[in-house]
C-alpha atoms as a PDB file:
ATOM      1  CA  MET A   1     121.237 112.813  99.232  1.00  0.00           C
ATOM      2  CA  GLN A   2     119.715 113.497  95.828  1.00  0.00           C
ATOM      3  CA  TRP A   3     120.999 111.772  92.698  1.00  0.00           C
ATOM      4  CA  HIS A   4     120.814 112.467  88.978  1.00  0.00           C
ATOM      5  CA  TYR A   5     121.106 109.778  86.310  1.00  0.00           C
ATOM      6  CA  ALA A   6     121.435 109.699  82.525  1.00  0.00           C
ATOM      7  CA  VAL A   7     119.823 107.087  80.290  1.00  0.00           C
ATOM      8  CA  GLN A   8     120.403 107.157  76.516  1.00  0.00           C
ATOM      9  CA  GLY A   9     121.823 110.646  76.752  1.00  0.00           C
ATOM     10  CA  ARG A  10     118.866 112.100  78.668  1.00  0.00           C
ATOM     11  CA  GLU A  11     119.345 113.385  82.196  1.00  0.00           C
ATOM     12  CA  HIS A  12     116.781 112.629  84.899  1.00  0.00           C
ATOM     13  CA  GLY A  13     116.429 113.557  88.552  1.00  0.00           C
ATOM     14  CA  PRO A  14     116.885 114.494  91.233  1.00  0.00           C
ATOM     15  CA  VAL A  15     115.828 111.247  92.928  1.00  0.00           C
ATOM     16  CA  SER A  16     116.620 109.660  96.266  1.00  0.00           C
ATOM     17  CA  LEU A  17     119.109 106.804  96.587  1.00  0.00           C
ATOM     18  CA  GLU A  18     116.191 104.472  97.350  1.00  0.00           C
ATOM     19  CA  ALA A  19     114.504 105.457  94.095  1.00  0.00           C
ATOM     20  CA  LEU A  20     117.786 105.031  92.207  1.00  0.00           C
ATOM     21  CA  VAL A  21     118.181 101.530  93.639  1.00  0.00           C
ATOM     22  CA  SER A  22     114.616 100.656  92.597  1.00  0.00           C
ATOM     23  CA  LEU A  23     115.270 101.874  89.055  1.00  0.00           C
ATOM     24  CA  LEU A  24     118.413  99.757  88.914  1.00  0.00           C
ATOM     25  CA  ARG A  25     116.601  96.682  90.183  1.00  0.00           C
ATOM     26  CA  GLU A  26     113.879  97.089  87.582  1.00  0.00           C
ATOM     27  CA  GLY A  27     116.392  97.439  84.742  1.00  0.00           C
ATOM     28  CA  GLN A  28     115.526 101.058  83.975  1.00  0.00           C
ATOM     29  CA  ILE A  29     119.120 101.956  84.841  1.00  0.00           C
ATOM     30  CA  ARG A  30     122.000  99.713  83.754  1.00  0.00           C
ATOM     31  CA  ALA A  31     125.493  99.225  85.127  1.00  0.00           C
ATOM     32  CA  ASP A  32     127.069 101.421  82.427  1.00  0.00           C
ATOM     33  CA  ASP A  33     124.592 104.297  82.781  1.00  0.00           C
ATOM     34  CA  LEU A  34     125.952 107.445  84.386  1.00  0.00           C
ATOM     35  CA  VAL A  35     124.931 108.804  87.789  1.00  0.00           C
ATOM     36  CA  TRP A  36     125.924 111.907  89.752  1.00  0.00           C
ATOM     37  CA  ASN A  37     125.348 113.748  92.979  1.00  0.00           C
ATOM     38  CA  PRO A  38     126.927 116.942  94.376  1.00  0.00           C
ATOM     39  CA  GLU A  39     129.276 115.028  96.704  1.00  0.00           C
ATOM     40  CA  ILE A  40     130.923 113.229  93.780  1.00  0.00           C
ATOM     41  CA  GLY A  41     132.115 116.452  92.192  1.00  0.00           C
ATOM     42  CA  ASN A  42     131.790 117.587  88.603  1.00  0.00           C
ATOM     43  CA  GLN A  43     132.295 114.193  86.983  1.00  0.00           C
ATOM     44  CA  TRP A  44     129.541 111.688  86.248  1.00  0.00           C
ATOM     45  CA  VAL A  45     130.380 108.060  87.066  1.00  0.00           C
ATOM     46  CA  LYS A  46     129.068 104.670  86.013  1.00  0.00           C
ATOM     47  CA  ALA A  47     126.430 103.173  88.266  1.00  0.00           C
ATOM     48  CA  SER A  48     128.604 100.089  88.740  1.00  0.00           C
ATOM     49  CA  THR A  49     131.302 102.201  90.451  1.00  0.00           C
ATOM     50  CA  VAL A  50     128.996 103.455  93.212  1.00  0.00           C
ATOM     51  CA  PRO A  51     129.259 101.036  96.189  1.00  0.00           C
ATOM     52  CA  GLU A  52     125.565 101.205  97.089  1.00  0.00           C
ATOM     53  CA  LEU A  53     124.569 100.468  93.500  1.00  0.00           C
ATOM     54  CA  ALA A  54     127.287  97.872  92.942  1.00  0.00           C
ATOM     55  CA  ALA A  55     125.787  95.855  95.797  1.00  0.00           C
ATOM     56  CA  VAL A  56     122.441  95.858  93.990  1.00  0.00           C
ATOM     57  CA  LEU A  57     124.077  94.703  90.761  1.00  0.00           C
ATOM     58  CA  ALA A  58     125.654  91.814  92.628  1.00  0.00           C
ATOM     59  CA  SER A  59     122.297  90.727  94.073  1.00  0.00           C
ATOM     60  CA  PRO A  60     119.784  88.483  92.246  1.00  0.00           C
ATOM     61  CA  THR A  61     118.094  90.101  89.275  1.00  0.00           C
ATOM     62  CA  PRO A  62     114.374  91.059  89.291  1.00  0.00           C
ATOM     63  CA  GLY A  63     112.107  88.082  88.888  1.00  0.00           C
ATOM     64  CA  SER A  64     114.654  85.662  90.357  1.00  0.00           C
ATOM     65  CA  GLU A  65     112.831  85.237  93.674  1.00  0.00           C
ATOM     66  CA  SER A  66     112.670  81.652  94.843  1.00  0.00           C
ATOM     67  CA  PRO A  67     109.758  79.995  96.663  1.00  0.00           C
ATOM     68  CA  ALA A  68     111.826  80.197  99.869  1.00  0.00           C
ATOM     69  CA  ASP A  69     112.153  83.974  99.706  1.00  0.00           C
ATOM     70  CA  THR A  70     110.420  86.069 102.341  1.00  0.00           C
ATOM     71  CA  PHE A  71     109.375  89.696 102.081  1.00  0.00           C
ATOM     72  CA  THR A  72     109.280  91.959 105.101  1.00  0.00           C
ATOM     73  CA  GLY A  73     107.754  95.422 105.206  1.00  0.00           C
ATOM     74  CA  ARG A  74     110.248  97.327 107.339  1.00  0.00           C
ATOM     75  CA  THR A  75     108.862 100.853 106.992  1.00  0.00           C
ATOM     76  CA  HIS A  76     106.048 102.021 109.277  1.00  0.00           C
ATOM     77  CA  ASN A  77     102.772 102.689 107.484  1.00  0.00           C
ATOM     78  CA  ARG A  78     102.736 106.334 108.538  1.00  0.00           C
ATOM     79  CA  ASP A  79     106.176 106.759 106.946  1.00  0.00           C
ATOM     80  CA  LEU A  80     105.031 105.029 103.766  1.00  0.00           C
ATOM     81  CA  MET A  81     102.139 107.476 103.583  1.00  0.00           C
ATOM     82  CA  ALA A  82     104.483 110.417 104.159  1.00  0.00           C
ATOM     83  CA  GLN A  83     106.795 109.167 101.411  1.00  0.00           C
ATOM     84  CA  ALA A  84     103.849 108.681  99.068  1.00  0.00           C
ATOM     85  CA  LYS A  85     102.631 112.200  99.762  1.00  0.00           C
ATOM     86  CA  GLU A  86     106.133 113.581  99.174  1.00  0.00           C
ATOM     87  CA  SER A  87     106.413 111.755  95.845  1.00  0.00           C
ATOM     88  CA  LEU A  88     103.146 113.362  94.712  1.00  0.00           C
ATOM     89  CA  GLY A  89     104.529 116.834  95.354  1.00  0.00           C
ATOM     90  CA  GLY A  90     104.457 118.676  92.030  1.00  0.00           C
ATOM     91  CA  ALA A  91     102.540 115.791  90.432  1.00  0.00           C
ATOM     92  CA  TRP A  92      99.145 116.181  92.098  1.00  0.00           C
ATOM     93  CA  GLY A  93      97.565 117.684  88.982  1.00  0.00           C
ATOM     94  CA  ARG A  94      98.507 114.731  86.776  1.00  0.00           C
ATOM     95  CA  ALA A  95      97.661 112.195  89.487  1.00  0.00           C
ATOM     96  CA  VAL A  96      94.198 113.662  90.084  1.00  0.00           C
ATOM     97  CA  GLY A  97      93.583 113.971  86.349  1.00  0.00           C
ATOM     98  CA  VAL A  98      94.566 110.364  85.676  1.00  0.00           C
ATOM     99  CA  PHE A  99      92.439 109.078  88.547  1.00  0.00           C
ATOM    100  CA  LEU A 100      89.452 111.138  87.373  1.00  0.00           C
ATOM    101  CA  VAL A 101      89.770 109.885  83.789  1.00  0.00           C
ATOM    102  CA  ALA A 102      90.040 106.271  84.975  1.00  0.00           C
ATOM    103  CA  ILE A 103      86.904 106.593  87.115  1.00  0.00           C
ATOM    104  CA  LEU A 104      84.949 108.341  84.336  1.00  0.00           C
ATOM    105  CA  ILE A 105      85.913 105.677  81.783  1.00  0.00           C
ATOM    106  CA  LEU A 106      84.782 102.848  84.052  1.00  0.00           C
ATOM    107  CA  LEU A 107      81.551 104.627  85.014  1.00  0.00           C
ATOM    108  CA  LEU A 108      80.646 105.571  81.451  1.00  0.00           C
ATOM    109  CA  ILE A 109      81.384 102.104  80.112  1.00  0.00           C
ATOM    110  CA  SER A 110      79.394 100.372  82.856  1.00  0.00           C
ATOM    111  CA  SER A 111      76.400 102.672  82.239  1.00  0.00           C
ATOM    112  CA  ILE A 112      75.925 101.411  78.664  1.00  0.00           C
ATOM    113  CA  PRO A 113      72.670  99.421  78.563  1.00  0.00           C
ATOM    114  CA  ILE A 114      72.953  95.618  78.446  1.00  0.00           C
ATOM    115  CA  VAL A 115      76.625  95.388  77.360  1.00  0.00           C
ATOM    116  CA  GLY A 116      77.971  97.889  79.903  1.00  0.00           C
ATOM    117  CA  PRO A 117      78.823  95.467  82.731  1.00  0.00           C
ATOM    118  CA  ILE A 118      80.540  93.088  80.301  1.00  0.00           C
ATOM    119  CA  ALA A 119      82.508  95.931  78.713  1.00  0.00           C
ATOM    120  CA  GLN A 120      83.543  97.130  82.156  1.00  0.00           C
ATOM    121  CA  LEU A 121      84.936  93.672  82.934  1.00  0.00           C
ATOM    122  CA  LEU A 122      86.887  93.714  79.662  1.00  0.00           C
ATOM    123  CA  ILE A 123      88.639  97.037  80.281  1.00  0.00           C
ATOM    124  CA  GLY A 124      88.806  97.081  84.106  1.00  0.00           C
ATOM    125  CA  GLY A 125      91.997  95.007  84.313  1.00  0.00           C
ATOM    126  CA  PRO A 126      94.073  97.100  81.868  1.00  0.00           C
ATOM    127  CA  ILE A 127      92.935 100.323  83.548  1.00  0.00           C
ATOM    128  CA  VAL A 128      93.925  99.047  87.006  1.00  0.00           C
ATOM    129  CA  LEU A 129      97.272  97.892  85.608  1.00  0.00           C
ATOM    130  CA  GLY A 130      97.797 101.301  84.009  1.00  0.00           C
ATOM    131  CA  LEU A 131      97.243 102.964  87.383  1.00  0.00           C
ATOM    132  CA  ALA A 132      99.752 100.581  88.983  1.00  0.00           C
ATOM    133  CA  ILE A 133     102.356 101.381  86.305  1.00  0.00           C
ATOM    134  CA  LEU A 134     101.886 105.127  86.673  1.00  0.00           C
ATOM    135  CA  PHE A 135     101.948 105.253  90.469  1.00  0.00           C
ATOM    136  CA  LEU A 136     104.977 102.968  90.661  1.00  0.00           C
ATOM    137  CA  ALA A 137     106.804 105.413  88.409  1.00  0.00           C
ATOM    138  CA  THR A 138     105.551 108.306  90.545  1.00  0.00           C
ATOM    139  CA  VAL A 139     106.759 106.951  93.889  1.00  0.00           C
ATOM    140  CA  ARG A 140     110.077 105.935  92.323  1.00  0.00           C
ATOM    141  CA  LYS A 141     110.415 109.457  90.937  1.00  0.00           C
ATOM    142  CA  ALA A 142     110.975 107.965  87.513  1.00  0.00           C
ATOM    143  CA  PRO A 143     109.796 109.655  84.290  1.00  0.00           C
ATOM    144  CA  SER A 144     106.000 109.367  84.063  1.00  0.00           C
ATOM    145  CA  ARG A 145     103.286 110.589  81.717  1.00  0.00           C
ATOM    146  CA  PHE A 146      99.506 110.791  81.592  1.00  0.00           C
ATOM    147  CA  GLY A 147      99.347 108.116  78.877  1.00  0.00           C
ATOM    148  CA  MET A 148     100.675 105.481  81.270  1.00  0.00           C
ATOM    149  CA  LEU A 149      97.054 105.023  82.303  1.00  0.00           C
ATOM    150  CA  PHE A 150      96.564 103.131  79.047  1.00  0.00           C
ATOM    151  CA  ASP A 151      99.843 101.165  79.117  1.00  0.00           C
ATOM    152  CA  GLY A 152      97.945  98.297  80.706  1.00  0.00           C
ATOM    153  CA  PHE A 153      96.388  97.594  77.312  1.00  0.00           C
ATOM    154  CA  ASN A 154      99.862  96.634  76.069  1.00  0.00           C
ATOM    155  CA  ARG A 155      99.560  93.608  78.378  1.00  0.00           C
ATOM    156  CA  TYR A 156      95.865  93.132  77.822  1.00  0.00           C
ATOM    157  CA  GLY A 157      95.709  89.352  78.188  1.00  0.00           C
ATOM    158  CA  THR A 158      97.545  89.248  81.501  1.00  0.00           C
ATOM    159  CA  ALA A 159      95.672  92.261  82.894  1.00  0.00           C
ATOM    160  CA  LEU A 160      92.279  90.861  81.910  1.00  0.00           C
ATOM    161  CA  GLY A 161      93.095  87.356  83.141  1.00  0.00           C
ATOM    162  CA  ALA A 162      94.237  88.643  86.543  1.00  0.00           C
ATOM    163  CA  TYR A 163      91.154  90.857  86.855  1.00  0.00           C
ATOM    164  CA  LEU A 164      88.769  87.998  86.138  1.00  0.00           C
ATOM    165  CA  LEU A 165      90.577  85.281  88.092  1.00  0.00           C
ATOM    166  CA  MET A 166      91.150  87.381  91.208  1.00  0.00           C
ATOM    167  CA  GLY A 167      87.559  88.630  91.109  1.00  0.00           C
ATOM    168  CA  LEU A 168      86.237  85.082  90.765  1.00  0.00           C
ATOM    169  CA  ILE A 169      88.342  83.676  93.621  1.00  0.00           C
ATOM    170  CA  VAL A 170      87.583  86.539  96.010  1.00  0.00           C
ATOM    171  CA  CYS A 171      83.853  86.540  95.213  1.00  0.00           C
ATOM    172  CA  LEU A 172      83.514  82.792  95.694  1.00  0.00           C
ATOM    173  CA  LEU A 173      85.324  82.915  99.026  1.00  0.00           C
ATOM    174  CA  LEU A 174      83.235  85.890 100.160  1.00  0.00           C
ATOM    175  CA  LEU A 175      80.064  83.953  99.350  1.00  0.00           C
ATOM    176  CA  LEU A 176      81.269  80.932 101.318  1.00  0.00           C
ATOM    177  CA  LEU A 177      82.950  82.678 104.243  1.00  0.00           C
ATOM    178  CA  ILE A 178      83.651  86.399 104.531  1.00  0.00           C
ATOM    179  CA  VAL A 179      87.039  86.200 106.278  1.00  0.00           C
ATOM    180  CA  PRO A 180      88.716  83.898 103.693  1.00  0.00           C
ATOM    181  CA  GLY A 181      87.513  86.247 100.952  1.00  0.00           C
ATOM    182  CA  ILE A 182      89.092  89.234 102.678  1.00  0.00           C
ATOM    183  CA  LEU A 183      92.332  87.315 103.202  1.00  0.00           C
ATOM    184  CA  ALA A 184      92.403  86.336  99.533  1.00  0.00           C
ATOM    185  CA  ALA A 185      91.891  89.953  98.459  1.00  0.00           C
ATOM    186  CA  LEU A 186      94.810  90.996 100.674  1.00  0.00           C
ATOM    187  CA  SER A 187      96.993  88.152  99.389  1.00  0.00           C
ATOM    188  CA  TYR A 188      96.500  89.120  95.748  1.00  0.00           C
ATOM    189  CA  SER A 189      96.671  92.889  96.326  1.00  0.00           C
ATOM    190  CA  MET A 190     100.200  93.192  94.884  1.00  0.00           C
ATOM    191  CA  THR A 191      99.387  91.316  91.659  1.00  0.00           C
ATOM    192  CA  TYR A 192      99.178  94.346  89.354  1.00  0.00           C
ATOM    193  CA  TYR A 193     102.420  95.790  90.702  1.00  0.00           C
ATOM    194  CA  VAL A 194     104.077  92.430  90.013  1.00  0.00           C
ATOM    195  CA  ILE A 195     102.693  92.463  86.458  1.00  0.00           C
ATOM    196  CA  ALA A 196     103.937  96.034  86.014  1.00  0.00           C
ATOM    197  CA  ASP A 197     107.463  95.021  87.057  1.00  0.00           C
ATOM    198  CA  HIS A 198     107.554  91.576  85.456  1.00  0.00           C
ATOM    199  CA  PRO A 199     105.747  91.487  82.090  1.00  0.00           C
ATOM    200  CA  GLU A 200     107.302  88.079  81.444  1.00  0.00           C
ATOM    201  CA  LEU A 201     105.127  86.488  84.135  1.00  0.00           C
ATOM    202  CA  GLY A 202     101.694  85.119  83.402  1.00  0.00           C
ATOM    203  CA  VAL A 203      98.497  85.562  85.371  1.00  0.00           C
ATOM    204  CA  TRP A 204      98.871  82.713  87.834  1.00  0.00           C
ATOM    205  CA  ALA A 205     102.607  83.312  88.372  1.00  0.00           C
ATOM    206  CA  SER A 206     101.941  86.990  89.153  1.00  0.00           C
ATOM    207  CA  MET A 207      99.211  86.074  91.622  1.00  0.00           C
ATOM    208  CA  LYS A 208     101.481  83.521  93.291  1.00  0.00           C
ATOM    209  CA  ARG A 209     104.239  86.135  93.572  1.00  0.00           C
ATOM    210  CA  SER A 210     101.782  88.543  95.190  1.00  0.00           C
ATOM    211  CA  LYS A 211     100.653  85.861  97.632  1.00  0.00           C
ATOM    212  CA  GLN A 212     104.272  85.104  98.480  1.00  0.00           C
ATOM    213  CA  MET A 213     105.043  88.795  99.074  1.00  0.00           C
ATOM    214  CA  MET A 214     102.003  89.272 101.287  1.00  0.00           C
ATOM    215  CA  ARG A 215     102.707  86.262 103.499  1.00  0.00           C
ATOM    216  CA  GLY A 216     103.050  87.776 106.953  1.00  0.00           C
ATOM    217  CA  ASN A 217     102.236  91.257 105.628  1.00  0.00           C
ATOM    218  CA  ARG A 218      98.466  91.107 105.160  1.00  0.00           C
ATOM    219  CA  TRP A 219      97.666  92.645 108.541  1.00  0.00           C
ATOM    220  CA  LYS A 220     100.111  95.502 107.910  1.00  0.00           C
ATOM    221  CA  PHE A 221      98.488  96.206 104.543  1.00  0.00           C
ATOM    222  CA  PHE A 222      95.018  96.056 106.089  1.00  0.00           C
ATOM    223  CA  CYS A 223      96.127  98.611 108.685  1.00  0.00           C
ATOM    224  CA  LEU A 224      97.489 100.828 105.916  1.00  0.00           C
ATOM    225  CA  GLY A 225      94.070 100.847 104.271  1.00  0.00           C
ATOM    226  CA  TRP A 226      92.360 101.511 107.617  1.00  0.00           C
ATOM    227  CA  ARG A 227      94.450 104.665 108.026  1.00  0.00           C
ATOM    228  CA  PHE A 228      92.498 106.197 105.135  1.00  0.00           C
ATOM    229  CA  PHE A 229      89.090 105.539 106.697  1.00  0.00           C
ATOM    230  CA  GLY A 230      88.893 108.919 108.402  1.00  0.00           C
ATOM    231  CA  TRP A 231      89.930 110.661 105.219  1.00  0.00           C
ATOM    232  CA  ALA A 232      87.223 108.762 103.342  1.00  0.00           C
ATOM    233  CA  LEU A 233      84.578 110.026 105.780  1.00  0.00           C
ATOM    234  CA  LEU A 234      85.756 113.587 105.194  1.00  0.00           C
ATOM    235  CA  CYS A 235      85.575 113.015 101.426  1.00  0.00           C
ATOM    236  CA  VAL A 236      81.935 111.975 101.792  1.00  0.00           C
ATOM    237  CA  LEU A 237      81.242 115.366 103.375  1.00  0.00           C
ATOM    238  CA  THR A 238      82.656 117.018 100.223  1.00  0.00           C
ATOM    239  CA  LEU A 239      80.026 115.158  98.117  1.00  0.00           C
ATOM    240  CA  GLY A 240      82.754 112.820  96.903  1.00  0.00           C
ATOM    241  CA  ILE A 241      85.004 115.479  95.379  1.00  0.00           C
ATOM    242  CA  GLY A 242      87.708 114.780  97.951  1.00  0.00           C
ATOM    243  CA  PHE A 243      88.100 111.243  96.615  1.00  0.00           C
ATOM    244  CA  LEU A 244      89.845 112.730  93.562  1.00  0.00           C
ATOM    245  CA  TRP A 245      92.767 113.490  95.895  1.00  0.00           C
ATOM    246  CA  LEU A 246      92.348 110.569  98.265  1.00  0.00           C
ATOM    247  CA  GLY A 247      92.417 108.037  95.399  1.00  0.00           C
ATOM    248  CA  PRO A 248      95.889 109.058  94.150  1.00  0.00           C
ATOM    249  CA  TYR A 249      97.152 109.275  97.734  1.00  0.00           C
ATOM    250  CA  MET A 250      96.003 105.708  98.405  1.00  0.00           C
ATOM    251  CA  ASN A 251      97.406 104.425  95.107  1.00  0.00           C
ATOM    252  CA  ALA A 252     100.788 106.014  95.789  1.00  0.00           C
ATOM    253  CA  SER A 253     100.834 104.596  99.337  1.00  0.00           C
ATOM    254  CA  CYS A 254     100.062 101.095  98.054  1.00  0.00           C
ATOM    255  CA  ALA A 255     102.830 101.406  95.465  1.00  0.00           C
ATOM    256  CA  ARG A 256     105.249 102.421  98.230  1.00  0.00           C
ATOM    257  CA  PHE A 257     104.075  99.431 100.290  1.00  0.00           C
ATOM    258  CA  TYR A 258     104.966  97.162  97.358  1.00  0.00           C
ATOM    259  CA  ASP A 259     108.410  98.734  96.926  1.00  0.00           C
ATOM    260  CA  ASP A 260     109.030  98.449 100.666  1.00  0.00           C
ATOM    261  CA  LEU A 261     108.280  94.715 100.512  1.00  0.00           C
ATOM    262  CA  ARG A 262     110.692  94.304  97.605  1.00  0.00           C
ATOM    263  CA  ALA A 263     113.395  96.213  99.467  1.00  0.00           C
ATOM    264  CA  GLY A 264     112.856  93.958 102.486  1.00  0.00           C
ATOM    265  CA  ARG A 265     113.233  90.666 100.628  1.00  0.00           C
ATOM    266  CA  ASN A 266     114.780  88.101 102.985  1.00  0.00           C
ATOM    267  CA  ALA A 267     115.348  90.834 105.564  1.00  0.00           C
ATOM    268  CA  THR A 268     115.061  90.178 109.268  1.00  0.00           C
ATOM    269  CA  PRO A 269     111.819  91.654 110.659  1.00  0.00           C
ATOM    270  CA  ALA A 270     112.413  94.840 112.608  1.00  0.00           C
ATOM    271  CA  ALA A 271     111.971  94.617 116.356  1.00  0.00           C
END
C-alpha cells in the first residue's frame, strides 16, 4: 500500500508504510501532519489517527535507546539489496552523480602535493556523512537533493571527529591483530547513519550507539558486503566505470541495513 503525506502544506509521496513509519520515527512527520492512501477515501487524516502510525507515536522517541536495548536485523540480505535497488529506481542519475562528485573531490584533494593527505582527512568525514544523509533519504523515499552531499559540513566537528577516531582505532587494531581491526570496523559501520539521525549525539556516543546496534549483527553485515564481491570483479572488467553504479547500490543497501536494525529494536530474532 502506497501512502502520501503533507508537511507544511507540501505533498510528498507515494511511499511505503515502512518508509512512512521511518519518517515518523525520525521526526520528519509529526502527529498532526496529514497522510492519505487510496483505501482511506478522498479525505486526508492526521497521522495520529492511523493505527499503524499511532503505535509508533506511542513507542519511545528516536534517541531514547537504553543500554539494554538490542537490535535485530530481521530482513534477509538479498531482500535488503532488492529494496535498495527499488528505492534507487528513478534516482540512479542523481545517485551516480553524487557518488562520482564525492570520489572526484576526495581524489583531487588528496593529489595536492604535501598538504593533500591532510586536506583529505579534514574533508573525508563530512563527505561520508553527506553520503549517509542522502542515501538514508533515498531508501526512505523522503525528499532528497544533490546538495545533501555537502550537508555533512553542517556537522563538521562530529563528522571529522568520528572519521579520525574510527580510523585511528581500526588502524591500531589492524596493526596489532587483523581480526580485531575488522571487527572494530564492522562495529562502528553504522556511526555515520547514527550521526545523520541524531545530530544531538557527539562522536563517542554515536560510535557507542553503532557498536550497540551491531552487537550480534556484524556477521550479517559482513555477508551483505560479501554479496557485492562478484559485482566488484565485474566492475574491474569495465576499467572501474561500473563502480559508479555499484557504489550507490552498496550505499543504499547499507542504509537499508541500518533502517532494518532500527525497525528490529528489541525484536525477537527470526527463526
